[in-house]
PDB file of N, CA and C in Angstrom:
ATOM      1  N   MET A   1      24.211  30.784  19.467  1.00  0.00           N
ATOM      2  CA  MET A   1      25.338  30.576  18.590  1.00  0.00           C
ATOM      3  C   MET A   1      24.982  29.639  17.436  1.00  0.00           C
ATOM      4  N   LEU A   2      24.217  28.607  17.741  1.00  0.00           N
ATOM      5  CA  LEU A   2      23.865  27.649  16.702  1.00  0.00           C
ATOM      6  C   LEU A   2      23.113  28.323  15.560  1.00  0.00           C
ATOM      7  N   LEU A   3      22.270  29.253  15.904  1.00  0.00           N
ATOM      8  CA  LEU A   3      21.495  29.969  14.899  1.00  0.00           C
ATOM      9  C   LEU A   3      22.403  30.708  13.914  1.00  0.00           C
ATOM     10  N   ARG A   4      23.535  31.197  14.380  1.00  0.00           N
ATOM     11  CA  ARG A   4      24.482  31.887  13.501  1.00  0.00           C
ATOM     12  C   ARG A   4      25.110  30.936  12.484  1.00  0.00           C
ATOM     13  N   HIS A   5      25.261  29.681  12.869  1.00  0.00           N
ATOM     14  CA  HIS A   5      25.892  28.692  11.999  1.00  0.00           C
ATOM     15  C   HIS A   5      24.901  27.963  11.110  1.00  0.00           C
ATOM     16  N   ASP A   6      23.678  27.850  11.592  1.00  0.00           N
ATOM     17  CA  ASP A   6      22.665  27.108  10.834  1.00  0.00           C
ATOM     18  C   ASP A   6      21.306  27.725  11.124  1.00  0.00           C
ATOM     19  N   ALA A   7      20.801  28.479  10.187  1.00  0.00           N
ATOM     20  CA  ALA A   7      19.512  29.158  10.378  1.00  0.00           C
ATOM     21  C   ALA A   7      18.384  28.373   9.730  1.00  0.00           C
ATOM     22  N   SER A   8      18.477  27.046   9.791  1.00  0.00           N
ATOM     23  CA  SER A   8      17.418  26.209   9.221  1.00  0.00           C
ATOM     24  C   SER A   8      16.115  26.452   9.989  1.00  0.00           C
ATOM     25  N   PRO A   9      14.990  26.135   9.390  1.00  0.00           N
ATOM     26  CA  PRO A   9      13.710  26.363  10.066  1.00  0.00           C
ATOM     27  C   PRO A   9      13.591  25.641  11.416  1.00  0.00           C
ATOM     28  N   VAL A  10      14.110  24.428  11.517  1.00  0.00           N
ATOM     29  CA  VAL A  10      14.007  23.694  12.785  1.00  0.00           C
ATOM     30  C   VAL A  10      14.889  24.345  13.852  1.00  0.00           C
ATOM     31  N   ILE A  11      16.062  24.795  13.478  1.00  0.00           N
ATOM     32  CA  ILE A  11      16.922  25.515  14.436  1.00  0.00           C
ATOM     33  C   ILE A  11      16.221  26.801  14.865  1.00  0.00           C
ATOM     34  N   ARG A  12      15.603  27.490  13.944  1.00  0.00           N
ATOM     35  CA  ARG A  12      14.866  28.717  14.287  1.00  0.00           C
ATOM     36  C   ARG A  12      13.687  28.411  15.204  1.00  0.00           C
ATOM     37  N   LEU A  13      13.028  27.269  15.006  1.00  0.00           N
ATOM     38  CA  LEU A  13      11.934  26.849  15.894  1.00  0.00           C
ATOM     39  C   LEU A  13      12.481  26.636  17.308  1.00  0.00           C
ATOM     40  N   ASN A  14      13.594  25.941  17.417  1.00  0.00           N
ATOM     41  CA  ASN A  14      14.202  25.714  18.733  1.00  0.00           C
ATOM     42  C   ASN A  14      14.643  27.033  19.370  1.00  0.00           C
ATOM     43  N   HIS A  15      15.131  27.934  18.570  1.00  0.00           N
ATOM     44  CA  HIS A  15      15.511  29.257  19.079  1.00  0.00           C
ATOM     45  C   HIS A  15      14.282  29.983  19.640  1.00  0.00           C
ATOM     46  N   ALA A  16      13.175  29.874  18.951  1.00  0.00           N
ATOM     47  CA  ALA A  16      11.944  30.529  19.411  1.00  0.00           C
ATOM     48  C   ALA A  16      11.474  29.933  20.737  1.00  0.00           C
ATOM     49  N   ILE A  17      11.658  28.640  20.910  1.00  0.00           N
ATOM     50  CA  ILE A  17      11.286  28.013  22.187  1.00  0.00           C
ATOM     51  C   ILE A  17      12.131  28.600  23.315  1.00  0.00           C
ATOM     52  N   ALA A  18      13.421  28.723  23.085  1.00  0.00           N
ATOM     53  CA  ALA A  18      14.294  29.350  24.086  1.00  0.00           C
ATOM     54  C   ALA A  18      13.877  30.791  24.329  1.00  0.00           C
ATOM     55  N   LEU A  19      13.533  31.484  23.272  1.00  0.00           N
ATOM     56  CA  LEU A  19      13.089  32.869  23.373  1.00  0.00           C
ATOM     57  C   LEU A  19      11.842  32.988  24.247  1.00  0.00           C
ATOM     58  N   SER A  20      10.973  31.995  24.187  1.00  0.00           N
ATOM     59  CA  SER A  20       9.753  32.044  25.005  1.00  0.00           C
ATOM     60  C   SER A  20      10.074  32.089  26.496  1.00  0.00           C
ATOM     61  N   HIS A  21      11.180  31.472  26.885  1.00  0.00           N
ATOM     62  CA  HIS A  21      11.578  31.468  28.296  1.00  0.00           C
ATOM     63  C   HIS A  21      12.236  32.787  28.708  1.00  0.00           C
ATOM     64  N   LEU A  22      12.749  33.498  27.732  1.00  0.00           N
ATOM     65  CA  LEU A  22      13.412  34.768  28.029  1.00  0.00           C
ATOM     66  C   LEU A  22      12.490  35.975  27.871  1.00  0.00           C
ATOM     67  N   ARG A  23      11.701  35.982  26.794  1.00  0.00           N
ATOM     68  CA  ARG A  23      10.890  37.162  26.475  1.00  0.00           C
ATOM     69  C   ARG A  23       9.398  36.888  26.481  1.00  0.00           C
ATOM     70  N   GLY A  24       9.006  35.645  26.712  1.00  0.00           N
ATOM     71  CA  GLY A  24       7.593  35.323  26.826  1.00  0.00           C
ATOM     72  C   GLY A  24       7.002  34.710  25.574  1.00  0.00           C
ATOM     73  N   PRO A  25       5.787  34.177  25.713  1.00  0.00           N
ATOM     74  CA  PRO A  25       5.156  33.452  24.615  1.00  0.00           C
ATOM     75  C   PRO A  25       4.806  34.324  23.411  1.00  0.00           C
ATOM     76  N   ALA A  26       4.482  35.582  23.615  1.00  0.00           N
ATOM     77  CA  ALA A  26       4.122  36.440  22.479  1.00  0.00           C
ATOM     78  C   ALA A  26       5.317  36.646  21.549  1.00  0.00           C
ATOM     79  N   ALA A  27       6.483  36.889  22.120  1.00  0.00           N
ATOM     80  CA  ALA A  27       7.689  37.072  21.306  1.00  0.00           C
ATOM     81  C   ALA A  27       8.021  35.792  20.553  1.00  0.00           C
ATOM     82  N   ALA A  28       7.906  34.664  21.225  1.00  0.00           N
ATOM     83  CA  ALA A  28       8.201  33.381  20.586  1.00  0.00           C
ATOM     84  C   ALA A  28       7.189  33.067  19.485  1.00  0.00           C
ATOM     85  N   LEU A  29       5.922  33.343  19.735  1.00  0.00           N
ATOM     86  CA  LEU A  29       4.896  33.075  18.731  1.00  0.00           C
ATOM     87  C   LEU A  29       5.131  33.911  17.477  1.00  0.00           C
ATOM     88  N   SER A  30       5.561  35.127  17.662  1.00  0.00           N
ATOM     89  CA  SER A  30       5.878  35.983  16.518  1.00  0.00           C
ATOM     90  C   SER A  30       6.980  35.357  15.666  1.00  0.00           C
ATOM     91  N   GLU A  31       7.997  34.821  16.311  1.00  0.00           N
ATOM     92  CA  GLU A  31       9.089  34.151  15.592  1.00  0.00           C
ATOM     93  C   GLU A  31       8.596  32.880  14.902  1.00  0.00           C
ATOM     94  N   ILE A  32       7.813  32.109  15.603  1.00  0.00           N
ATOM     95  CA  ILE A  32       7.315  30.839  15.061  1.00  0.00           C
ATOM     96  C   ILE A  32       6.389  31.079  13.872  1.00  0.00           C
ATOM     97  N   ASP A  33       5.546  32.066  13.976  1.00  0.00           N
ATOM     98  CA  ASP A  33       4.622  32.338  12.873  1.00  0.00           C
ATOM     99  C   ASP A  33       5.353  32.729  11.592  1.00  0.00           C
ATOM    100  N   GLN A  34       6.557  33.260  11.713  1.00  0.00           N
ATOM    101  CA  GLN A  34       7.357  33.582  10.537  1.00  0.00           C
ATOM    102  C   GLN A  34       7.834  32.325   9.801  1.00  0.00           C
ATOM    103  N   LEU A  35       7.738  31.182  10.453  1.00  0.00           N
ATOM    104  CA  LEU A  35       8.179  29.910   9.867  1.00  0.00           C
ATOM    105  C   LEU A  35       7.030  29.119   9.251  1.00  0.00           C
ATOM    106  N   ALA A  36       5.849  29.672   9.256  1.00  0.00           N
ATOM    107  CA  ALA A  36       4.661  28.942   8.810  1.00  0.00           C
ATOM    108  C   ALA A  36       4.805  28.378   7.404  1.00  0.00           C
ATOM    109  N   ASP A  37       5.325  29.158   6.497  1.00  0.00           N
ATOM    110  CA  ASP A  37       5.425  28.687   5.111  1.00  0.00           C
ATOM    111  C   ASP A  37       6.388  27.515   4.966  1.00  0.00           C
ATOM    112  N   ARG A  38       7.370  27.410   5.856  1.00  0.00           N
ATOM    113  CA  ARG A  38       8.367  26.343   5.743  1.00  0.00           C
ATOM    114  C   ARG A  38       8.120  25.172   6.671  1.00  0.00           C
ATOM    115  N   LEU A  39       7.360  25.370   7.748  1.00  0.00           N
ATOM    116  CA  LEU A  39       7.157  24.286   8.717  1.00  0.00           C
ATOM    117  C   LEU A  39       5.703  23.881   8.888  1.00  0.00           C
ATOM    118  N   ASN A  40       4.818  24.347   8.051  1.00  0.00           N
ATOM    119  CA  ASN A  40       3.404  24.005   8.184  1.00  0.00           C
ATOM    120  C   ASN A  40       3.162  22.488   8.139  1.00  0.00           C
ATOM    121  N   GLY A  41       4.029  21.752   7.498  1.00  0.00           N
ATOM    122  CA  GLY A  41       3.888  20.303   7.418  1.00  0.00           C
ATOM    123  C   GLY A  41       4.614  19.545   8.516  1.00  0.00           C
ATOM    124  N   TYR A  42       5.107  20.248   9.522  1.00  0.00           N
ATOM    125  CA  TYR A  42       5.897  19.654  10.608  1.00  0.00           C
ATOM    126  C   TYR A  42       5.075  19.683  11.888  1.00  0.00           C
ATOM    127  N   HIS A  43       4.770  18.511  12.413  1.00  0.00           N
ATOM    128  CA  HIS A  43       3.877  18.434  13.574  1.00  0.00           C
ATOM    129  C   HIS A  43       4.402  19.174  14.802  1.00  0.00           C
ATOM    130  N   LEU A  44       5.710  19.207  14.985  1.00  0.00           N
ATOM    131  CA  LEU A  44       6.235  19.895  16.167  1.00  0.00           C
ATOM    132  C   LEU A  44       6.099  21.412  16.071  1.00  0.00           C
ATOM    133  N   TRP A  45       6.021  21.934  14.855  1.00  0.00           N
ATOM    134  CA  TRP A  45       5.731  23.367  14.708  1.00  0.00           C
ATOM    135  C   TRP A  45       4.328  23.644  15.247  1.00  0.00           C
ATOM    136  N   HIS A  46       3.380  22.807  14.873  1.00  0.00           N
ATOM    137  CA  HIS A  46       1.997  22.989  15.338  1.00  0.00           C
ATOM    138  C   HIS A  46       1.894  22.778  16.846  1.00  0.00           C
ATOM    139  N   ALA A  47       2.588  21.765  17.358  1.00  0.00           N
ATOM    140  CA  ALA A  47       2.540  21.489  18.800  1.00  0.00           C
ATOM    141  C   ALA A  47       3.143  22.639  19.603  1.00  0.00           C
ATOM    142  N   THR A  48       4.246  23.170  19.120  1.00  0.00           N
ATOM    143  CA  THR A  48       4.884  24.295  19.803  1.00  0.00           C
ATOM    144  C   THR A  48       3.987  25.530  19.754  1.00  0.00           C
ATOM    145  N   ARG A  49       3.436  25.764  18.607  1.00  0.00           N
ATOM    146  CA  ARG A  49       2.521  26.900  18.439  1.00  0.00           C
ATOM    147  C   ARG A  49       1.327  26.757  19.389  1.00  0.00           C
ATOM    148  N   ALA A  50       0.800  25.534  19.511  1.00  0.00           N
ATOM    149  CA  ALA A  50      -0.329  25.286  20.411  1.00  0.00           C
ATOM    150  C   ALA A  50       0.028  25.622  21.855  1.00  0.00           C
ATOM    151  N   GLN A  51       1.220  25.233  22.283  1.00  0.00           N
ATOM    152  CA  GLN A  51       1.636  25.511  23.657  1.00  0.00           C
ATOM    153  C   GLN A  51       1.718  27.011  23.906  1.00  0.00           C
ATOM    154  N   LEU A  52       2.287  27.732  22.967  1.00  0.00           N
ATOM    155  CA  LEU A  52       2.400  29.183  23.127  1.00  0.00           C
ATOM    156  C   LEU A  52       1.025  29.850  23.126  1.00  0.00           C
ATOM    157  N   LEU A  53       0.150  29.395  22.257  1.00  0.00           N
ATOM    158  CA  LEU A  53      -1.205  29.949  22.218  1.00  0.00           C
ATOM    159  C   LEU A  53      -1.946  29.676  23.528  1.00  0.00           C
ATOM    160  N   THR A  54      -1.740  28.500  24.089  1.00  0.00           N
ATOM    161  CA  THR A  54      -2.343  28.179  25.387  1.00  0.00           C
ATOM    162  C   THR A  54      -1.844  29.142  26.452  1.00  0.00           C
ATOM    163  N   GLU A  55      -0.537  29.375  26.469  1.00  0.00           N
ATOM    164  CA  GLU A  55       0.043  30.295  27.450  1.00  0.00           C
ATOM    165  C   GLU A  55      -0.503  31.710  27.283  1.00  0.00           C
ATOM    166  N   LEU A  56      -0.874  32.055  26.069  1.00  0.00           N
ATOM    167  CA  LEU A  56      -1.436  33.385  25.804  1.00  0.00           C
ATOM    168  C   LEU A  56      -2.954  33.437  26.012  1.00  0.00           C
ATOM    169  N   GLY A  57      -3.557  32.285  26.324  1.00  0.00           N
ATOM    170  CA  GLY A  57      -4.992  32.240  26.598  1.00  0.00           C
ATOM    171  C   GLY A  57      -5.865  32.081  25.371  1.00  0.00           C
ATOM    172  N   ASP A  58      -5.282  31.789  24.229  1.00  0.00           N
ATOM    173  CA  ASP A  58      -6.058  31.595  22.997  1.00  0.00           C
ATOM    174  C   ASP A  58      -6.344  30.101  22.835  1.00  0.00           C
ATOM    175  N   HIS A  59      -7.291  29.613  23.606  1.00  0.00           N
ATOM    176  CA  HIS A  59      -7.558  28.170  23.686  1.00  0.00           C
ATOM    177  C   HIS A  59      -8.163  27.605  22.403  1.00  0.00           C
ATOM    178  N   GLU A  60      -8.923  28.386  21.700  1.00  0.00           N
ATOM    179  CA  GLU A  60      -9.525  27.898  20.459  1.00  0.00           C
ATOM    180  C   GLU A  60      -8.458  27.630  19.399  1.00  0.00           C
ATOM    181  N   GLU A  61      -7.561  28.589  19.208  1.00  0.00           N
ATOM    182  CA  GLU A  61      -6.479  28.412  18.234  1.00  0.00           C
ATOM    183  C   GLU A  61      -5.504  27.328  18.694  1.00  0.00           C
ATOM    184  N   ALA A  62      -5.268  27.256  20.006  1.00  0.00           N
ATOM    185  CA  ALA A  62      -4.380  26.217  20.544  1.00  0.00           C
ATOM    186  C   ALA A  62      -4.954  24.832  20.274  1.00  0.00           C
ATOM    187  N   ARG A  63      -6.245  24.680  20.470  1.00  0.00           N
ATOM    188  CA  ARG A  63      -6.900  23.389  20.213  1.00  0.00           C
ATOM    189  C   ARG A  63      -6.733  22.999  18.743  1.00  0.00           C
ATOM    190  N   ALA A  64      -6.951  23.933  17.851  1.00  0.00           N
ATOM    191  CA  ALA A  64      -6.814  23.653  16.421  1.00  0.00           C
ATOM    192  C   ALA A  64      -5.377  23.242  16.088  1.00  0.00           C
ATOM    193  N   ALA A  65      -4.403  23.912  16.676  1.00  0.00           N
ATOM    194  CA  ALA A  65      -2.996  23.576  16.428  1.00  0.00           C
ATOM    195  C   ALA A  65      -2.657  22.203  17.000  1.00  0.00           C
ATOM    196  N   ASN A  66      -3.174  21.888  18.186  1.00  0.00           N
ATOM    197  CA  ASN A  66      -2.950  20.555  18.765  1.00  0.00           C
ATOM    198  C   ASN A  66      -3.592  19.472  17.907  1.00  0.00           C
ATOM    199  N   GLU A  67      -4.782  19.727  17.407  1.00  0.00           N
ATOM    200  CA  GLU A  67      -5.456  18.756  16.549  1.00  0.00           C
ATOM    201  C   GLU A  67      -4.673  18.520  15.273  1.00  0.00           C
ATOM    202  N   ARG A  68      -4.134  19.593  14.714  1.00  0.00           N
ATOM    203  CA  ARG A  68      -3.336  19.472  13.494  1.00  0.00           C
ATOM    204  C   ARG A  68      -2.073  18.659  13.768  1.00  0.00           C
ATOM    205  N   ALA A  69      -1.399  18.946  14.879  1.00  0.00           N
ATOM    206  CA  ALA A  69      -0.189  18.199  15.243  1.00  0.00           C
ATOM    207  C   ALA A  69      -0.511  16.725  15.449  1.00  0.00           C
ATOM    208  N   LEU A  70      -1.610  16.441  16.122  1.00  0.00           N
ATOM    209  CA  LEU A  70      -2.012  15.059  16.368  1.00  0.00           C
ATOM    210  C   LEU A  70      -2.259  14.317  15.058  1.00  0.00           C
ATOM    211  N   ALA A  71      -2.892  14.968  14.123  1.00  0.00           N
ATOM    212  CA  ALA A  71      -3.183  14.336  12.834  1.00  0.00           C
ATOM    213  C   ALA A  71      -1.912  14.059  12.036  1.00  0.00           C
ATOM    214  N   MET A  72      -0.830  14.737  12.355  1.00  0.00           N
ATOM    215  CA  MET A  72       0.391  14.628  11.563  1.00  0.00           C
ATOM    216  C   MET A  72       1.425  13.665  12.136  1.00  0.00           C
ATOM    217  N   THR A  73       1.230  13.179  13.352  1.00  0.00           N
ATOM    218  CA  THR A  73       2.244  12.310  13.949  1.00  0.00           C
ATOM    219  C   THR A  73       1.730  10.894  14.128  1.00  0.00           C
ATOM    220  N   SER A  74       2.641   9.957  14.002  1.00  0.00           N
ATOM    221  CA  SER A  74       2.302   8.552  14.251  1.00  0.00           C
ATOM    222  C   SER A  74       3.039   8.038  15.482  1.00  0.00           C
ATOM    223  N   ASN A  75       3.785   8.898  16.141  1.00  0.00           N
ATOM    224  CA  ASN A  75       4.535   8.524  17.329  1.00  0.00           C
ATOM    225  C   ASN A  75       3.566   8.397  18.509  1.00  0.00           C
ATOM    226  N   PRO A  76       3.472   7.208  19.130  1.00  0.00           N
ATOM    227  CA  PRO A  76       2.511   7.010  20.223  1.00  0.00           C
ATOM    228  C   PRO A  76       2.706   7.956  21.414  1.00  0.00           C
ATOM    229  N   ALA A  77       3.936   8.233  21.772  1.00  0.00           N
ATOM    230  CA  ALA A  77       4.185   9.130  22.909  1.00  0.00           C
ATOM    231  C   ALA A  77       3.717  10.549  22.590  1.00  0.00           C
ATOM    232  N   GLU A  78       4.002  11.008  21.384  1.00  0.00           N
ATOM    233  CA  GLU A  78       3.551  12.340  20.979  1.00  0.00           C
ATOM    234  C   GLU A  78       2.032  12.383  20.888  1.00  0.00           C
ATOM    235  N   GLN A  79       1.436  11.327  20.373  1.00  0.00           N
ATOM    236  CA  GLN A  79      -0.026  11.267  20.295  1.00  0.00           C
ATOM    237  C   GLN A  79      -0.644  11.343  21.684  1.00  0.00           C
ATOM    238  N   GLN A  80      -0.073  10.621  22.633  1.00  0.00           N
ATOM    239  CA  GLN A  80      -0.598  10.638  24.002  1.00  0.00           C
ATOM    240  C   GLN A  80      -0.515  12.037  24.600  1.00  0.00           C
ATOM    241  N   LEU A  81       0.610  12.707  24.413  1.00  0.00           N
ATOM    242  CA  LEU A  81       0.764  14.070  24.934  1.00  0.00           C
ATOM    243  C   LEU A  81      -0.255  15.014  24.296  1.00  0.00           C
ATOM    244  N   LEU A  82      -0.393  14.928  22.991  1.00  0.00           N
ATOM    245  CA  LEU A  82      -1.322  15.817  22.300  1.00  0.00           C
ATOM    246  C   LEU A  82      -2.763  15.529  22.694  1.00  0.00           C
ATOM    247  N   ARG A  83      -3.097  14.261  22.851  1.00  0.00           N
ATOM    248  CA  ARG A  83      -4.456  13.926  23.308  1.00  0.00           C
ATOM    249  C   ARG A  83      -4.704  14.466  24.710  1.00  0.00           C
ATOM    250  N   SER A  84      -3.701  14.383  25.571  1.00  0.00           N
ATOM    251  CA  SER A  84      -3.877  14.914  26.933  1.00  0.00           C
ATOM    252  C   SER A  84      -4.077  16.424  26.905  1.00  0.00           C
ATOM    253  N   ARG A  85      -3.402  17.113  26.006  1.00  0.00           N
ATOM    254  CA  ARG A  85      -3.612  18.549  25.871  1.00  0.00           C
ATOM    255  C   ARG A  85      -5.032  18.848  25.403  1.00  0.00           C
ATOM    256  N   LEU A  86      -5.547  18.028  24.528  1.00  0.00           N
ATOM    257  CA  LEU A  86      -6.899  18.243  23.999  1.00  0.00           C
ATOM    258  C   LEU A  86      -7.970  17.943  25.044  1.00  0.00           C
ATOM    259  N   GLU A  87      -7.647  17.118  26.009  1.00  0.00           N
ATOM    260  CA  GLU A  87      -8.607  16.772  27.069  1.00  0.00           C
ATOM    261  C   GLU A  87      -8.609  17.768  28.201  1.00  0.00           C
ATOM    262  N   MET A  88      -7.600  18.619  28.279  1.00  0.00           N
ATOM    263  CA  MET A  88      -7.504  19.589  29.380  1.00  0.00           C
ATOM    264  C   MET A  88      -8.611  20.614  29.248  1.00  0.00           C
ATOM    265  N   PRO A  89      -9.284  20.925  30.362  1.00  0.00           N
ATOM    266  CA  PRO A  89     -10.333  21.960  30.298  1.00  0.00           C
ATOM    267  C   PRO A  89      -9.707  23.335  30.080  1.00  0.00           C
ATOM    268  N   GLU A  90     -10.440  24.159  29.367  1.00  0.00           N
ATOM    269  CA  GLU A  90      -9.986  25.541  29.135  1.00  0.00           C
ATOM    270  C   GLU A  90     -10.134  26.324  30.425  1.00  0.00           C
ATOM    271  N   GLU A  91      -9.187  27.214  30.653  1.00  0.00           N
ATOM    272  CA  GLU A  91      -9.233  28.041  31.867  1.00  0.00           C
ATOM    273  C   GLU A  91      -9.958  29.332  31.606  1.00  0.00           C
TER     274      GLU A  91
END
């Protein structure tokens, strides 16, 4: 419903996250990638994209997205989470 009232890029990003739980990471990634031109400078777009890529088994692209998100945030908690993702061994 929120998307009907406000289709801002961040609301659309949150919608895609919900979509990932309903239709899977590929469907959500397709939605998120449509926001690239508007959210490329937003660290949570990169972090979300990294999580979906990890779920899809694309560890190289996920690592790059996590690195980009890490470089863009100064929040210590977010940095710690992103660093932990970068330290995880690839499956």
